[in-house]
Structure formats: C-alpha cells, structure tokens
Amino acid sequence: MRYYIIAGEASGDLHGSNLIKAIHQKDANAHIRCWGGDKMQAAGAELVKHYRDLAFMGFVEVLMHLRTILNNIDFCKKDITAYKPDVLVLIDYPGFNMRIAEWAKQQGIKVVYYISPQVWAWKENRTKKLKRDVDKMLVILPFEVDFYKKWNYEVNYVGHPLIQVVEQEMQTPPVKLADKPIIALLPGSRAQEIKVKLPIMLQAVKHYPDYQFIIAQAPSQPDELYTSIIGNQQVQLAKGQTYNLLKQAAAALVTSGTATLETALFGVPQVVCYKGNPISYWLAKKLIKVNYIALVNLIMDKPVITELIQADLNETMIKQELDKILYNKEHISRLKADYTQLWHLLGNSNASENAAEAIVGMLR
C-alpha cells in the first residue's frame, strides 16, 4: 500500500516516525512518502519537505509568510496527485492539513487524521469540516472522545504516543552532561520562538550559580542561533539530546506545547514560558476558549504547572517560580503526585501500534 503522511512540526516528526515504524511492521509492502523531518526519514519514509521550512506560528507570522504557505499547499496537492496514495495520513498541523484534507476528500482519497487539531480550544465549528473531510479520526487525549461525541462524530482514542516514547527512553541510563545539578531550558524548535523566549529564560542564569543551565537545542537549528543569544554566559548546548537532558534535570523552563507534556512525563518540575507577538496573542485571547495553554494543565483540568505568559514572563517571575520548584518541598511533592495522576489518565502505551492498526485495517 502507498501512504502519504504530513507532519509540520518537531513533535509531529517524532510521532510520525513511530507511526511509520508500526505501519512497516503491519504492512511489509508499505511505501511511504512524507512531509516531516529527520526522524520520519530515518524510519523509512521518502521525505518531500522538512518541517523547518513549514513551521510558522501566530496570526501575524502566518500572514507574513502567506505566499510561502500557499505555494507549499499547491505543491503538496500536485505531489499527492502524482504519488497516488491509498491513504493520506495527517498529523496535527491544522492550518495546513485541514486544507489538504478538504481537497483530498474531493479527489476521492481516503483521509486519516492522527492527533486531532485542537478544535476544542478554538473555532469549534471546524469540527463540521473534520467530520465531512476525514474518514477516520485518531485522537490521543482522553477528553477528545467526549468532545467529538457532542458533534455526533465517532472517533478512535489510541492513547498518547509520548507514553510509549518516554517509557522506552527511561530504560536507557542518561549520558552525563554536567557535574552540577541541571536546569534545562527548552525554548522551542522554531527560530522565531527561540529568539523571543531564550533571552528571557537566560536572565535566570545569574541567580543560580550552583546550577548548570543547559539548552535543549533543536536538531533543525544551527549553533549560531543559540550562541548569538547566549553570549559569554556559562550555558551549555545539548543538540538533539532533549530526553537525555530531561532524564537528569532538576528543573526546567519550557516553552508551551508538547514539550510541557514530555517534561512532566519525565517527572521534571517545570515552569511554562510563553511570549508571542502582541497582536497574535491579543487575537488568540479573543478566540481561544480554554483555561490553560500548557498541555499538562489542559489534560489535568487544573493549574498543575505555572504558566508565565506575555508580560508575566520576566526575570522576577521566573526566579520566583524556579525557587518554588527547586526548594519548596511541599510544592514539589504536590507536583510529583499530579504527574503520577497524569500517567494514569493517559494510560495506553501502544498509541503508534493502535494508530497503525486502524490505518492499515482501513485499507484491508
């Protein structure tokens, strides 16, 4: 069978790579073409475009790169047409993938969506489009099943793919990165978010001389992007070693997104850091209906980890919250208990296999 898979971010590349491995196990004759990253390519897919050329976040940023985005959509349609896949598998990345889903459905191509767009957060009406254009929706958050039921849309909960990834990673001992206790900095994978958030995160360095600050460097970003921001501060870079870093971190400053969940599953106390374009943030506040930005808090439906957003992301607040997760034993104990509950809520550790079975089974 011929599979065409589209992921537009680092997390999609990770989950896409595990999905590709699982598909190959269930379909010995699988041929897979993809938009994604190094991990999906290494898993055995033919890479068409890398996510680093696709990732634009925020309303203003998307408008600035609108021509590039529209050209990518046009190219994608032509490439799918030439490839003639038996199924199109879309991984998150809704701004792009929902457009492709609508077009693909019109072409008579079977469409599977793995990792639902967060329509429960904003533009809930987009559920109608998903129901119309997607033949099979595979969700990874428990509450999404009930959300889609409200729209009379039956979806498959396959479990969260990070559970399996972290369980496997924890079986490998960490490779030592520093002699001092470590504070991890996870400023994201896109150049634009790194440039905004990392300088603010680094303001904490001078307050913690007994700790080694180490930045989780995105594999897709050059050293120069980080070194130009770090300057002469005693901060290390760990390229492509995020999990190795989290296995030995005492605390972490984490940009919002999947990284907050990864950090929690590794049991690392964290502070969530978000700062975006002011206009984009203002528009998001008007449109988004959820109470939290961190995935951990959304899943748990309470403020498990502190979110420092926009003006609150400053040196004073970062130090105040870091002190809590480094030195306040009661706070740390409560946080660890919530992390344990999070594991239980997410449950199933076979998400990639379950998703592959649903996709391959649909084609049999």
Protein backbone atom coordinates (compact mmCIF):
# COMPACT_ATOMS: atom_id res chain seq x y z
CA MET A 1 0.00 0.00 0.00
CA ARG A 2 1.04 3.60 -0.58
CA TYR A 3 0.88 6.01 2.36
CA TYR A 4 1.31 9.81 2.21
CA ILE A 5 1.94 11.34 5.66
CA ILE A 6 2.11 15.05 6.50
CA ALA A 7 3.60 16.44 9.74
CA GLY A 8 4.63 20.08 10.11
CA GLU A 9 6.46 20.26 13.44
CA ALA A 10 9.14 18.53 15.54
CA SER A 11 6.56 16.69 17.67
CA GLY A 12 4.77 15.51 14.54
CA ASP A 13 8.07 14.23 13.18
CA LEU A 14 8.60 12.19 16.37
CA HIS A 15 5.12 10.68 16.42
CA GLY A 16 5.15 10.25 12.65
CA SER A 17 8.40 8.27 12.84
CA ASN A 18 6.92 5.81 15.33
CA LEU A 19 3.77 5.52 13.25
CA ILE A 20 5.88 4.76 10.16
CA LYS A 21 7.77 2.01 12.01
CA ALA A 22 4.46 0.49 13.16
CA ILE A 23 2.98 0.66 9.65
CA HIS A 24 6.02 -1.16 8.23
CA GLN A 25 5.52 -3.90 10.84
CA LYS A 26 1.89 -4.38 9.81
CA ASP A 27 2.32 -3.87 6.06
CA ALA A 28 5.51 -5.44 4.68
CA ASN A 29 4.82 -3.82 1.29
CA ALA A 30 4.23 -0.31 2.63
CA HIS A 31 5.68 2.55 0.61
CA ILE A 32 5.60 5.85 2.49
CA ARG A 33 6.14 9.40 1.27
CA CYS A 34 6.09 12.23 3.79
CA TRP A 35 6.39 15.83 4.83
CA GLY A 36 8.15 15.81 8.21
CA GLY A 37 11.70 15.62 9.44
CA ASP A 38 14.83 13.58 10.02
CA LYS A 39 13.10 11.05 12.28
CA MET A 40 10.40 10.20 9.74
CA GLN A 41 13.02 9.87 7.04
CA ALA A 42 15.15 7.60 9.24
CA ALA A 43 12.07 5.45 9.95
CA GLY A 44 11.85 4.59 6.27
CA ALA A 45 9.79 7.29 4.56
CA GLU A 46 10.73 9.28 1.49
CA LEU A 47 10.98 12.90 2.70
CA VAL A 48 9.46 15.54 0.41
CA LYS A 49 9.74 18.66 2.59
CA HIS A 50 11.27 19.28 6.02
CA TYR A 51 9.13 20.79 8.79
CA ARG A 52 11.70 23.54 9.39
CA ASP A 53 10.51 25.07 6.07
CA LEU A 54 6.86 24.87 7.13
CA ALA A 55 6.59 25.95 10.77
CA PHE A 56 5.04 29.40 11.13
CA MET A 57 3.19 30.22 14.35
CA GLY A 58 0.93 33.11 15.30
CA PHE A 59 -1.58 35.08 13.22
CA VAL A 60 0.82 37.84 12.20
CA GLU A 61 3.63 35.43 11.35
CA VAL A 62 1.31 33.35 9.16
CA LEU A 63 0.20 36.49 7.28
CA MET A 64 3.83 37.47 6.72
CA HIS A 65 4.58 34.07 5.17
CA LEU A 66 1.24 33.59 3.43
CA ARG A 67 2.70 33.32 -0.07
CA THR A 68 5.14 30.60 1.04
CA ILE A 69 2.33 28.69 2.78
CA LEU A 70 0.03 28.88 -0.27
CA ASN A 71 2.87 27.75 -2.55
CA ASN A 72 3.53 24.80 -0.23
CA ILE A 73 -0.16 23.82 -0.30
CA ASP A 74 -0.20 23.96 -4.11
CA PHE A 75 2.99 21.90 -4.36
CA CYS A 76 1.63 19.37 -1.86
CA LYS A 77 -1.55 18.81 -3.87
CA LYS A 78 0.47 18.22 -7.04
CA ASP A 79 2.82 15.83 -5.26
CA ILE A 80 -0.06 13.80 -3.77
CA THR A 81 -1.73 13.63 -7.19
CA ALA A 82 1.47 12.32 -8.78
CA TYR A 83 2.10 9.79 -5.98
CA LYS A 84 -1.48 8.37 -5.97
CA PRO A 85 -1.56 7.21 -2.32
CA ASP A 86 -4.03 4.63 -0.99
CA VAL A 87 -4.40 6.79 2.11
CA LEU A 88 -3.43 10.26 3.26
CA VAL A 89 -2.42 10.47 6.94
CA LEU A 90 -2.40 13.93 8.53
CA ILE A 91 -0.62 14.59 11.83
CA ASP A 92 -1.85 17.68 13.74
CA TYR A 93 -0.65 20.89 11.93
CA PRO A 94 -4.26 22.02 11.28
CA GLY A 95 -3.79 25.27 9.33
CA PHE A 96 -2.15 23.31 6.52
CA ASN A 97 -3.56 19.82 6.95
CA MET A 98 -7.23 20.74 7.12
CA ARG A 99 -6.93 22.46 3.73
CA ILE A 100 -5.28 19.36 2.30
CA ALA A 101 -7.97 17.13 3.86
CA GLU A 102 -10.76 19.09 2.17
CA TRP A 103 -9.03 18.87 -1.22
CA ALA A 104 -8.11 15.18 -0.82
CA LYS A 105 -11.69 14.22 0.05
CA GLN A 106 -12.85 15.90 -3.15
CA GLN A 107 -10.29 13.81 -5.08
CA GLY A 108 -11.66 10.59 -3.57
CA ILE A 109 -8.56 9.96 -1.44
CA LYS A 110 -9.06 8.24 1.93
CA VAL A 111 -8.10 10.61 4.75
CA VAL A 112 -6.98 9.68 8.28
CA TYR A 113 -6.20 12.35 10.88
CA TYR A 114 -3.80 11.18 13.61
CA ILE A 115 -3.55 13.66 16.52
CA SER A 116 -6.62 15.82 16.25
CA PRO A 117 -6.46 19.56 15.62
CA GLN A 118 -7.31 21.38 18.83
CA VAL A 119 -10.78 22.38 17.67
CA TRP A 120 -11.95 22.09 21.27
CA ALA A 121 -9.77 25.12 22.07
CA TRP A 122 -10.98 27.49 19.37
CA LYS A 123 -13.06 27.53 16.18
CA GLU A 124 -15.20 24.64 17.41
CA ASN A 125 -17.23 24.87 14.21
CA ARG A 126 -14.24 23.42 12.34
CA THR A 127 -15.44 20.07 13.70
CA LYS A 128 -18.04 20.09 10.89
CA LYS A 129 -15.23 20.24 8.32
CA LEU A 130 -13.31 17.45 10.01
CA LYS A 131 -16.41 15.27 10.11
CA ARG A 132 -17.00 15.96 6.42
CA ASP A 133 -13.42 15.56 5.16
CA VAL A 134 -11.81 12.94 7.45
CA ASP A 135 -12.70 9.25 7.07
CA LYS A 136 -11.07 8.25 10.37
CA MET A 137 -10.06 10.47 13.29
CA LEU A 138 -7.48 9.04 15.72
CA VAL A 139 -7.28 11.08 18.95
CA ILE A 140 -4.61 10.99 21.66
CA LEU A 141 -6.24 12.93 24.52
CA PRO A 142 -8.95 11.20 26.59
CA PHE A 143 -11.30 14.20 26.76
CA GLU A 144 -11.39 14.49 22.95
CA VAL A 145 -13.68 11.46 22.67
CA ASP A 146 -16.40 13.21 24.70
CA PHE A 147 -15.83 16.47 22.84
CA TYR A 148 -16.45 14.86 19.45
CA LYS A 149 -19.48 12.99 20.79
CA LYS A 150 -21.18 16.36 21.20
CA TRP A 151 -20.88 16.70 17.42
CA ASN A 152 -22.10 13.14 16.79
CA TYR A 153 -18.66 12.26 15.45
CA GLU A 154 -17.30 8.86 16.48
CA VAL A 155 -13.51 8.93 16.85
CA ASN A 156 -10.89 6.39 17.94
CA TYR A 157 -8.85 7.03 21.10
CA VAL A 158 -5.50 5.31 20.52
CA GLY A 159 -3.61 6.51 23.61
CA HIS A 160 -0.91 9.17 23.77
CA PRO A 161 2.21 8.34 21.72
CA LEU A 162 4.52 10.06 24.21
CA ILE A 163 3.82 7.41 26.85
CA GLN A 164 5.50 4.76 24.74
CA VAL A 165 8.37 7.06 23.76
CA VAL A 166 9.16 8.07 27.35
CA GLU A 167 8.80 4.51 28.70
CA GLN A 168 11.35 3.30 26.15
CA GLU A 169 13.68 6.22 26.83
CA MET A 170 13.62 5.65 30.60
CA GLN A 171 15.10 2.18 30.10
CA THR A 172 18.36 3.81 28.94
CA PRO A 173 20.59 5.44 31.58
CA PRO A 174 21.41 9.11 30.93
CA VAL A 175 24.73 10.25 29.47
CA LYS A 176 26.13 12.72 32.00
CA LEU A 177 26.02 16.33 30.81
CA ALA A 178 27.34 18.29 33.83
CA ASP A 179 28.87 17.98 37.29
CA LYS A 180 26.42 20.48 38.81
CA PRO A 181 22.64 19.96 39.16
CA ILE A 182 20.98 20.92 35.88
CA ILE A 183 18.30 23.43 34.99
CA ALA A 184 17.05 22.63 31.49
CA LEU A 185 15.92 25.32 29.06
CA LEU A 186 13.51 24.21 26.32
CA PRO A 187 12.85 27.32 24.20
CA GLY A 188 11.13 25.51 21.33
CA SER A 189 12.12 24.33 17.88
CA ARG A 190 11.23 27.35 15.71
CA ALA A 191 13.78 30.11 15.20
CA GLN A 192 11.24 32.87 15.88
CA GLU A 193 10.17 31.49 19.28
CA ILE A 194 13.78 30.80 20.32
CA LYS A 195 14.77 34.39 19.57
CA VAL A 196 11.92 35.72 21.73
CA LYS A 197 11.93 33.33 24.70
CA LEU A 198 15.52 32.21 25.18
CA PRO A 199 16.93 35.67 26.08
CA ILE A 200 14.28 35.98 28.82
CA MET A 201 14.94 32.45 30.12
CA LEU A 202 18.66 33.21 30.31
CA GLN A 203 18.03 36.07 32.72
CA ALA A 204 17.75 33.39 35.41
CA VAL A 205 21.33 32.15 34.98
CA LYS A 206 22.98 34.70 37.28
CA HIS A 207 20.62 33.80 40.15
CA TYR A 208 21.63 30.12 40.29
CA PRO A 209 25.44 29.80 40.31
CA ASP A 210 25.23 26.31 41.83
CA TYR A 211 23.31 25.00 38.82
CA GLN A 212 24.36 24.33 35.25
CA PHE A 213 21.93 25.73 32.68
CA ILE A 214 21.69 23.57 29.55
CA ILE A 215 19.67 24.44 26.46
CA ALA A 216 17.86 21.72 24.53
CA GLN A 217 19.00 22.67 21.04
CA ALA A 218 16.57 21.77 18.27
CA PRO A 219 18.28 19.49 15.72
CA SER A 220 16.93 21.64 12.90
CA GLN A 221 18.52 24.87 14.21
CA PRO A 222 22.18 25.95 13.79
CA ASP A 223 24.55 26.55 16.72
CA GLU A 224 24.88 30.21 15.72
CA LEU A 225 21.24 30.92 16.54
CA TYR A 226 21.90 29.96 20.18
CA THR A 227 25.46 31.23 20.64
CA SER A 228 24.48 34.69 19.41
CA ILE A 229 21.90 34.83 22.23
CA ILE A 230 23.99 33.15 24.94
CA GLY A 231 26.99 35.44 24.52
CA ASN A 232 29.62 34.83 27.22
CA GLN A 233 27.28 33.24 29.77
CA GLN A 234 28.29 29.81 31.11
CA VAL A 235 25.46 27.94 29.44
CA GLN A 236 25.76 24.63 27.58
CA LEU A 237 24.05 23.45 24.42
CA ALA A 238 22.76 19.89 24.09
CA LYS A 239 21.86 19.29 20.45
CA GLY A 240 19.28 16.60 19.80
CA GLN A 241 19.53 15.43 23.42
CA THR A 242 16.28 16.71 24.91
CA TYR A 243 15.36 13.40 26.54
CA ASN A 244 18.87 12.79 27.84
CA LEU A 245 18.71 16.30 29.32
CA LEU A 246 15.29 15.77 30.91
CA LYS A 247 16.40 12.48 32.48
CA GLN A 248 18.89 14.38 34.65
CA ALA A 249 17.36 17.87 35.04
CA ALA A 250 16.40 19.16 38.49
CA ALA A 251 14.04 21.72 36.94
CA ALA A 252 13.12 23.16 33.57
CA LEU A 253 11.88 26.30 31.86
CA VAL A 254 9.75 25.10 28.96
CA THR A 255 8.02 26.81 26.08
CA SER A 256 4.37 25.85 25.72
CA GLY A 257 3.48 22.87 23.53
CA THR A 258 4.25 19.16 23.55
CA ALA A 259 7.48 19.84 25.47
CA THR A 260 5.45 20.57 28.62
CA LEU A 261 3.98 17.07 28.50
CA GLU A 262 7.35 15.47 27.75
CA THR A 263 8.90 17.28 30.71
CA ALA A 264 6.07 16.17 33.00
CA LEU A 265 6.30 12.52 31.91
CA PHE A 266 10.00 12.56 32.78
CA GLY A 267 8.99 13.87 36.22
CA VAL A 268 10.84 17.19 35.95
CA PRO A 269 9.38 20.18 37.84
CA GLN A 270 8.81 22.94 35.29
CA VAL A 271 7.67 26.48 34.59
CA VAL A 272 5.90 27.12 31.30
CA CYS A 273 7.14 30.14 29.35
CA TYR A 274 5.13 31.79 26.60
CA LYS A 275 5.63 35.10 24.85
CA GLY A 276 4.39 35.81 21.35
CA ASN A 277 3.71 38.65 19.00
CA PRO A 278 1.40 41.05 20.96
CA ILE A 279 -1.18 41.23 18.16
CA SER A 280 -1.18 37.45 17.70
CA TYR A 281 -1.61 36.98 21.44
CA TRP A 282 -4.44 39.52 21.63
CA LEU A 283 -6.27 37.77 18.80
CA ALA A 284 -5.67 34.37 20.40
CA LYS A 285 -7.13 35.59 23.70
CA LYS A 286 -10.28 36.66 21.83
CA LEU A 287 -10.65 33.36 20.03
CA ILE A 288 -9.29 30.60 22.27
CA LYS A 289 -11.71 29.21 24.83
CA VAL A 290 -9.50 27.01 27.03
CA ASN A 291 -8.38 27.96 30.53
CA TYR A 292 -4.71 26.96 30.09
CA ILE A 293 -2.00 26.94 27.43
CA ALA A 294 0.05 24.05 28.85
CA LEU A 295 -0.97 20.59 27.68
CA VAL A 296 -0.38 19.20 31.19
CA ASN A 297 -2.87 21.64 32.69
CA LEU A 298 -5.39 21.03 29.91
CA ILE A 299 -5.33 17.26 30.40
CA MET A 300 -5.50 17.52 34.19
CA ASP A 301 -8.03 20.38 34.01
CA LYS A 302 -6.25 22.33 36.73
CA PRO A 303 -3.10 24.51 37.10
CA VAL A 304 -0.56 21.75 37.83
CA ILE A 305 2.34 23.80 36.45
CA THR A 306 2.75 27.58 36.48
CA GLU A 307 2.27 29.38 33.18
CA LEU A 308 4.19 32.64 32.70
CA ILE A 309 2.51 34.34 29.76
CA GLN A 310 3.45 37.55 27.92
CA ALA A 311 4.29 40.27 30.50
CA ASP A 312 4.47 37.70 33.32
CA LEU A 313 7.43 36.10 31.56
CA ASN A 314 10.11 38.23 33.15
CA GLU A 315 13.20 37.82 35.32
CA THR A 316 11.43 38.38 38.63
CA MET A 317 8.63 35.90 37.98
CA ILE A 318 10.97 33.27 36.54
CA LYS A 319 13.13 33.40 39.68
CA GLN A 320 10.07 33.26 41.95
CA GLU A 321 8.70 30.17 40.21
CA LEU A 322 12.09 28.45 39.85
CA ASP A 323 12.64 28.87 43.60
CA LYS A 324 9.36 27.02 44.21
CA ILE A 325 10.18 24.03 42.04
CA LEU A 326 13.78 23.82 43.28
CA TYR A 327 13.43 24.47 47.02
CA ASN A 328 9.78 24.24 48.15
CA LYS A 329 9.44 20.58 49.18
CA GLU A 330 5.67 20.73 49.66
CA HIS A 331 5.20 22.27 46.21
CA ILE A 332 7.49 19.68 44.60
CA SER A 333 5.69 16.79 46.35
CA ARG A 334 2.29 18.01 45.14
CA LEU A 335 3.65 18.41 41.62
CA LYS A 336 5.06 14.87 41.55
CA ALA A 337 1.72 13.47 42.73
CA ASP A 338 -0.04 15.30 39.89
CA TYR A 339 2.49 13.93 37.41
CA THR A 340 1.69 10.39 38.59
CA GLN A 341 -2.01 11.03 38.07
CA LEU A 342 -1.23 12.35 34.58
CA TRP A 343 0.38 9.00 33.66
CA HIS A 344 -2.76 7.16 34.78
CA LEU A 345 -5.03 9.48 32.81
CA LEU A 346 -3.10 8.97 29.56
CA GLY A 347 -2.94 5.23 30.10
CA ASN A 348 -2.36 3.22 26.92
CA SER A 349 1.29 2.97 25.85
CA ASN A 350 0.66 1.48 22.39
CA ALA A 351 -0.59 4.55 20.53
CA SER A 352 1.62 4.11 17.44
CA GLU A 353 0.66 0.44 17.06
CA ASN A 354 -3.03 1.20 17.65
CA ALA A 355 -2.95 4.01 15.08
CA ALA A 356 -1.10 1.87 12.51
CA GLU A 357 -3.60 -0.97 13.01
CA ALA A 358 -6.51 1.43 12.45
CA ILE A 359 -4.91 2.83 9.26
CA VAL A 360 -3.76 -0.48 7.76
CA GLY A 361 -7.01 -2.17 8.79
CA MET A 362 -8.97 0.51 6.99
CA LEU A 363 -7.17 -0.39 3.73
CA ARG A 364 -7.52 -4.16 4.01
